[in-house]
Amino acid sequence: MSANRLTIRALTALILLPIIFLAAFVVACVQEEAASDKIGIIVTIPPQAEFAGKVGGENVDVTIMVPPGASPHTYEPTPSQIADVARAEMYAEVGSGIDFELVWMDRLTAQNDDMLIIDCSQGIQLIEMAATHEDEGEDHSHDTPDPHIWMSPPNAMIMVQNIYEGLAQLDPSNRAYYEANRDDYLQSLSQLDQDIRDGLSGITNRTFMVYHPAFGYFAEAYNLTMLPIEEEGKEPTAAGLANLIDQAKEHNIQVIFASPQFNPQSAEVIADEIGGSVVLIDALASDYITNLRTLLHELIEAME
């Protein structure tokens, strides 16, 4: 190859290189501008991200405060999450007394006075937190509301409606788009609700045991009885553990449901005593409908 050709190629590369970098910069700027045009929505837990994403579609950018795998009882937001809150246009809080919101909500909303706050629990009848039944002779009434409202599809439908109303208020010009998205997703939730009712209709042993009492609203919606092991973050006493083992045997329970965010040691002890097993179900899974279908399948297998 001649020296002239090498020179020409080198000059061509020098000319094209800035053009390539400029093109990449322009693309990045366009992408950033497109992202900034979206409505910034903050949600507390992953299931809400599905709700907000399904309603908002391509018009929203959703940030989850308690990310997958983290516990809303102990999680602390990162500086980048707080910065997201400061830029957001709407915060869809669970609103039912979830620990993260009790600790952080006032501090987070103080970062952004213009942010619209939507209470997803509005219109939902809260129930009391289930007791562990350590001593069946005692009064187990609780004043603490159960915060896990999303675990009931009928409640999820109300939460979706509340998110829709927030988006319609923020962006009325796209109300019809959000309404159509809402209706499509509500239809999916309605079908899920019916499938759960049909799937559990033939089950006669309607009692199940869980480590963390996250399924109270699910149990109430579908006429089931949930026996929790843990209560308000406390492990059962030795006497309580013995009583739970007796109850598991009495109700012919073979499966203990546990959440991946918690240590299932007590559940494993009970499972060993009854010759059963521990099955992990994440009440905070991102894919809400798929997760509840998994729960339905596991319940049918466990309660037959």
Protein backbone atom coordinates (compact mmCIF):
# COMPACT_ATOMS: atom_id res chain seq x y z
CA MET A 1 0.00 0.00 0.00
CA SER A 2 1.44 3.39 -0.97
CA ALA A 3 2.17 6.17 1.48
CA ASN A 4 -0.40 8.35 -0.29
CA ARG A 5 -3.17 5.85 0.35
CA LEU A 6 -2.22 5.58 4.04
CA THR A 7 -2.28 9.35 4.31
CA ILE A 8 -5.72 9.56 2.70
CA ARG A 9 -7.12 6.90 5.04
CA ALA A 10 -5.67 8.63 8.08
CA LEU A 11 -7.16 11.96 7.01
CA THR A 12 -10.52 10.33 6.36
CA ALA A 13 -10.49 8.78 9.85
CA LEU A 14 -9.63 12.13 11.40
CA ILE A 15 -12.54 13.75 9.58
CA LEU A 16 -15.08 11.01 10.35
CA LEU A 17 -14.21 10.53 14.02
CA PRO A 18 -15.64 13.87 15.22
CA ILE A 19 -18.73 13.28 13.10
CA ILE A 20 -19.27 9.89 14.74
CA PHE A 21 -18.87 11.37 18.22
CA LEU A 22 -21.20 14.23 17.33
CA ALA A 23 -23.86 11.80 16.08
CA ALA A 24 -23.59 9.74 19.25
CA PHE A 25 -23.92 12.92 21.34
CA VAL A 26 -27.02 14.02 19.41
CA VAL A 27 -28.65 10.59 19.87
CA ALA A 28 -27.92 10.69 23.60
CA CYS A 29 -29.40 14.17 23.88
CA VAL A 30 -32.53 13.15 22.00
CA GLN A 31 -32.96 10.09 24.25
CA GLU A 32 -32.47 12.20 27.38
CA GLU A 33 -34.97 14.78 26.15
CA ALA A 34 -37.50 12.03 25.37
CA ALA A 35 -37.05 10.62 28.87
CA SER A 36 -37.48 14.06 30.42
CA ASP A 37 -40.78 14.49 28.58
CA LYS A 38 -42.23 11.54 30.49
CA ILE A 39 -44.15 11.99 33.72
CA GLY A 40 -41.98 10.98 36.65
CA ILE A 41 -43.90 8.70 39.02
CA ILE A 42 -42.57 7.43 42.33
CA VAL A 43 -44.04 4.28 43.87
CA THR A 44 -43.08 2.58 47.11
CA ILE A 45 -43.10 -1.12 46.17
CA PRO A 46 -42.61 -3.17 42.96
CA PRO A 47 -46.27 -4.27 42.50
CA GLN A 48 -47.25 -0.61 42.23
CA ALA A 49 -44.73 -0.19 39.42
CA GLU A 50 -46.77 -2.61 37.34
CA PHE A 51 -49.97 -0.72 38.19
CA ALA A 52 -48.49 2.66 37.25
CA GLY A 53 -46.70 1.34 34.17
CA LYS A 54 -49.81 -0.36 32.81
CA VAL A 55 -51.91 2.78 33.17
CA GLY A 56 -49.27 5.33 32.15
CA GLY A 57 -47.77 3.30 29.32
CA GLU A 58 -45.13 5.09 27.30
CA ASN A 59 -45.93 8.43 28.94
CA VAL A 60 -44.47 7.63 32.36
CA ASP A 61 -41.14 6.92 33.95
CA VAL A 62 -41.62 4.90 37.17
CA THR A 63 -39.16 4.81 40.07
CA ILE A 64 -39.51 2.19 42.83
CA MET A 65 -38.39 3.30 46.28
CA VAL A 66 -38.17 -0.19 47.86
CA PRO A 67 -36.49 -2.23 45.10
CA PRO A 68 -37.05 -5.94 44.44
CA GLY A 69 -35.51 -8.10 47.14
CA ALA A 70 -35.52 -5.34 49.77
CA SER A 71 -37.81 -5.20 52.79
CA PRO A 72 -40.16 -2.21 53.21
CA HIS A 73 -39.80 -2.69 56.97
CA THR A 74 -36.11 -1.72 56.99
CA TYR A 75 -35.13 -0.16 53.64
CA GLU A 76 -33.61 3.33 53.48
CA PRO A 77 -33.65 5.30 50.22
CA THR A 78 -30.42 6.10 48.41
CA PRO A 79 -29.33 9.65 47.46
CA SER A 80 -30.16 8.93 43.81
CA GLN A 81 -33.70 7.85 44.77
CA ILE A 82 -34.17 11.03 46.80
CA ALA A 83 -33.01 13.00 43.76
CA ASP A 84 -35.63 11.16 41.67
CA VAL A 85 -38.29 12.22 44.18
CA ALA A 86 -37.15 15.83 43.91
CA ARG A 87 -37.74 15.71 40.12
CA ALA A 88 -40.95 13.63 40.12
CA GLU A 89 -44.43 14.89 39.36
CA MET A 90 -46.38 12.27 41.32
CA TYR A 91 -45.86 9.93 44.27
CA ALA A 92 -48.31 7.02 44.47
CA GLU A 93 -48.00 5.92 48.09
CA VAL A 94 -49.46 2.62 49.28
CA GLY A 95 -51.12 4.59 52.07
CA SER A 96 -52.03 1.67 54.32
CA GLY A 97 -49.34 2.04 56.97
CA ILE A 98 -46.39 0.30 55.33
CA ASP A 99 -43.28 0.87 57.47
CA PHE A 100 -41.20 2.57 54.78
CA GLU A 101 -43.85 5.23 54.27
CA LEU A 102 -44.41 5.74 58.01
CA VAL A 103 -40.70 6.47 58.44
CA TRP A 104 -39.83 8.26 55.19
CA MET A 105 -42.90 9.75 53.55
CA ASP A 106 -42.80 13.17 55.24
CA ARG A 107 -39.08 13.52 54.54
CA LEU A 108 -39.49 12.49 50.91
CA THR A 109 -42.41 14.78 50.16
CA ALA A 110 -40.50 17.66 51.73
CA GLN A 111 -38.04 17.33 48.83
CA ASN A 112 -40.69 18.34 46.29
CA ASP A 113 -43.54 20.68 47.23
CA ASP A 114 -45.02 20.51 43.71
CA MET A 115 -45.31 16.71 43.61
CA LEU A 116 -48.85 15.31 43.52
CA ILE A 117 -49.41 12.73 46.29
CA ILE A 118 -51.82 9.90 45.48
CA ASP A 119 -53.03 7.60 48.29
CA CYS A 120 -53.52 4.21 46.66
CA SER A 121 -55.45 2.95 49.71
CA GLN A 122 -58.23 5.49 49.25
CA GLY A 123 -61.51 3.57 48.99
CA ILE A 124 -60.08 0.35 50.48
CA GLN A 125 -61.42 -0.98 53.78
CA LEU A 126 -58.39 -1.77 55.94
CA ILE A 127 -58.42 -4.91 58.07
CA GLU A 128 -56.57 -5.67 61.28
CA MET A 129 -53.24 -7.46 61.22
CA ALA A 130 -53.73 -11.19 61.79
CA ALA A 131 -52.54 -12.57 65.14
CA THR A 132 -50.22 -15.54 65.56
CA HIS A 133 -52.66 -17.44 67.81
CA GLU A 134 -49.91 -18.31 70.27
CA ASP A 135 -52.53 -18.94 72.91
CA GLU A 136 -55.98 -19.69 71.55
CA GLY A 137 -57.51 -18.72 74.91
CA GLU A 138 -56.39 -15.10 74.65
CA ASP A 139 -58.05 -12.16 72.94
CA HIS A 140 -56.04 -11.50 69.76
CA SER A 141 -57.76 -8.30 68.64
CA HIS A 142 -55.33 -5.82 67.07
CA ASP A 143 -55.52 -2.11 66.44
CA THR A 144 -52.72 -2.27 63.86
CA PRO A 145 -54.01 -2.22 60.28
CA ASP A 146 -52.67 -4.78 57.84
CA PRO A 147 -50.68 -2.75 55.26
CA HIS A 148 -50.57 -5.47 52.54
CA ILE A 149 -53.60 -4.18 50.65
CA TRP A 150 -52.20 -5.00 47.18
CA MET A 151 -52.37 -8.77 47.79
CA SER A 152 -56.09 -8.76 46.98
CA PRO A 153 -56.93 -8.30 43.27
CA PRO A 154 -60.14 -6.41 44.13
CA ASN A 155 -57.99 -4.00 46.15
CA ALA A 156 -55.46 -3.81 43.32
CA MET A 157 -58.27 -2.63 41.03
CA ILE A 158 -58.97 0.27 43.42
CA MET A 159 -55.26 1.12 43.58
CA VAL A 160 -55.10 1.19 39.77
CA GLN A 161 -58.12 3.51 39.65
CA ASN A 162 -56.45 5.87 42.12
CA ILE A 163 -53.27 5.95 40.02
CA TYR A 164 -55.34 6.63 36.89
CA GLU A 165 -57.06 9.58 38.57
CA GLY A 166 -53.68 11.05 39.50
CA LEU A 167 -52.38 10.75 35.95
CA ALA A 168 -55.56 12.18 34.50
CA GLN A 169 -55.20 15.15 36.83
CA LEU A 170 -51.57 15.73 35.87
CA ASP A 171 -52.01 15.18 32.15
CA PRO A 172 -55.66 15.77 31.18
CA SER A 173 -54.84 16.00 27.47
CA ASN A 174 -53.97 12.27 27.53
CA ARG A 175 -56.89 11.22 29.73
CA ALA A 176 -58.39 8.97 27.04
CA TYR A 177 -55.06 7.14 26.63
CA TYR A 178 -54.79 6.49 30.36
CA GLU A 179 -58.44 5.47 30.53
CA ALA A 180 -58.00 2.88 27.78
CA ASN A 181 -54.87 1.52 29.44
CA ARG A 182 -56.64 1.39 32.78
CA ASP A 183 -59.60 -0.49 31.36
CA ASP A 184 -57.36 -3.06 29.66
CA TYR A 185 -55.45 -3.73 32.87
CA LEU A 186 -58.59 -3.79 35.01
CA GLN A 187 -59.94 -6.47 32.69
CA SER A 188 -56.80 -8.53 33.31
CA LEU A 189 -57.19 -8.08 37.08
CA SER A 190 -60.85 -9.01 36.87
CA GLN A 191 -59.95 -12.20 35.01
CA LEU A 192 -57.29 -12.96 37.62
CA ASP A 193 -59.86 -12.49 40.38
CA GLN A 194 -62.31 -14.85 38.68
CA ASP A 195 -59.60 -17.45 38.02
CA ILE A 196 -58.62 -17.41 41.70
CA ARG A 197 -62.24 -17.86 42.76
CA ASP A 198 -62.70 -20.72 40.31
CA GLY A 199 -59.42 -22.34 41.25
CA LEU A 200 -60.19 -22.31 44.97
CA SER A 201 -63.87 -23.21 44.64
CA GLY A 202 -63.32 -26.93 45.12
CA ILE A 203 -60.90 -26.60 48.05
CA THR A 204 -62.41 -27.77 51.35
CA ASN A 205 -59.36 -27.36 53.61
CA ARG A 206 -59.17 -23.57 53.40
CA THR A 207 -56.51 -22.90 56.05
CA PHE A 208 -52.92 -22.14 55.17
CA MET A 209 -49.84 -21.11 57.18
CA VAL A 210 -47.38 -18.33 56.37
CA TYR A 211 -44.26 -16.98 58.04
CA HIS A 212 -44.92 -13.26 57.46
CA PRO A 213 -48.62 -12.27 57.52
CA ALA A 214 -48.68 -10.68 54.05
CA PHE A 215 -51.72 -12.56 52.71
CA GLY A 216 -54.50 -11.32 54.99
CA TYR A 217 -56.41 -9.42 52.29
CA PHE A 218 -56.02 -12.35 49.91
CA ALA A 219 -57.43 -14.68 52.57
CA GLU A 220 -60.35 -12.35 53.29
CA ALA A 221 -61.21 -11.93 49.60
CA TYR A 222 -61.34 -15.67 48.94
CA ASN A 223 -62.74 -17.03 52.21
CA LEU A 224 -59.48 -18.54 53.43
CA THR A 225 -57.89 -18.61 56.89
CA MET A 226 -54.28 -17.47 57.22
CA LEU A 227 -52.22 -18.69 60.18
CA PRO A 228 -49.14 -16.45 60.54
CA ILE A 229 -45.96 -17.49 62.35
CA GLU A 230 -44.36 -14.08 62.82
CA GLU A 231 -46.17 -11.14 64.40
CA GLU A 232 -45.05 -7.51 64.08
CA GLY A 233 -41.49 -8.61 63.37
CA LYS A 234 -41.31 -10.92 66.38
CA GLU A 235 -40.49 -14.62 66.24
CA PRO A 236 -42.86 -16.96 68.12
CA THR A 237 -41.95 -18.11 71.62
CA ALA A 238 -41.24 -21.77 72.27
CA ALA A 239 -44.81 -22.20 73.49
CA GLY A 240 -46.12 -20.33 70.46
CA LEU A 241 -44.08 -22.49 68.12
CA ALA A 242 -45.47 -25.64 69.74
CA ASN A 243 -49.00 -24.29 69.36
CA LEU A 244 -48.41 -23.48 65.69
CA ILE A 245 -47.15 -27.01 65.10
CA ASP A 246 -50.32 -28.36 66.73
CA GLN A 247 -52.47 -26.11 64.53
CA ALA A 248 -50.61 -27.20 61.41
CA LYS A 249 -51.25 -30.83 62.27
CA GLU A 250 -54.90 -30.12 63.15
CA HIS A 251 -55.51 -28.49 59.75
CA ASN A 252 -53.42 -31.05 57.86
CA ILE A 253 -51.07 -28.34 56.62
CA GLN A 254 -48.17 -29.66 54.57
CA VAL A 255 -46.74 -26.41 53.16
CA ILE A 256 -45.52 -23.30 54.98
CA PHE A 257 -45.36 -20.18 52.83
CA ALA A 258 -42.45 -17.79 53.43
CA SER A 259 -41.25 -14.53 51.89
CA PRO A 260 -37.69 -14.27 50.51
CA GLN A 261 -37.15 -11.01 52.44
CA PHE A 262 -37.34 -12.85 55.78
CA ASN A 263 -35.40 -15.63 57.49
CA PRO A 264 -37.65 -18.70 57.25
CA GLN A 265 -36.04 -20.57 60.16
CA SER A 266 -39.25 -20.84 62.22
CA ALA A 267 -41.16 -21.96 59.13
CA GLU A 268 -38.54 -24.65 58.51
CA VAL A 269 -38.82 -25.87 62.12
CA ILE A 270 -42.59 -26.27 61.76
CA ALA A 271 -42.24 -27.89 58.34
CA ASP A 272 -39.78 -30.44 59.76
CA GLU A 273 -42.16 -31.28 62.62
CA ILE A 274 -45.13 -31.86 60.30
CA GLY A 275 -43.16 -33.58 57.54
CA GLY A 276 -43.93 -30.72 55.18
CA SER A 277 -42.00 -28.15 53.15
CA VAL A 278 -41.41 -24.40 52.87
CA VAL A 279 -42.46 -22.63 49.65
CA LEU A 280 -41.24 -19.10 48.90
CA ILE A 281 -43.82 -16.61 47.62
CA ASP A 282 -42.75 -12.99 47.23
CA ALA A 283 -45.57 -10.62 48.14
CA LEU A 284 -43.45 -7.83 46.65
CA ALA A 285 -42.78 -9.39 43.25
CA SER A 286 -42.69 -6.98 40.32
CA ASP A 287 -44.88 -9.09 38.01
CA TYR A 288 -48.10 -8.81 39.98
CA ILE A 289 -50.51 -10.92 37.94
CA THR A 290 -48.00 -13.70 37.25
CA ASN A 291 -47.05 -13.76 40.94
CA LEU A 292 -50.63 -14.18 42.13
CA ARG A 293 -51.20 -16.93 39.60
CA THR A 294 -48.14 -18.65 41.08
CA LEU A 295 -49.62 -18.21 44.57
CA LEU A 296 -52.92 -19.68 43.37
CA HIS A 297 -51.16 -22.73 41.91
CA GLU A 298 -49.15 -23.28 45.10
CA LEU A 299 -52.24 -22.89 47.30
CA ILE A 300 -54.20 -25.40 45.26
CA GLU A 301 -51.32 -27.87 45.49
CA ALA A 302 -50.93 -27.28 49.23
CA MET A 303 -54.58 -27.29 50.25
CA GLU A 304 -55.97 -30.16 48.20
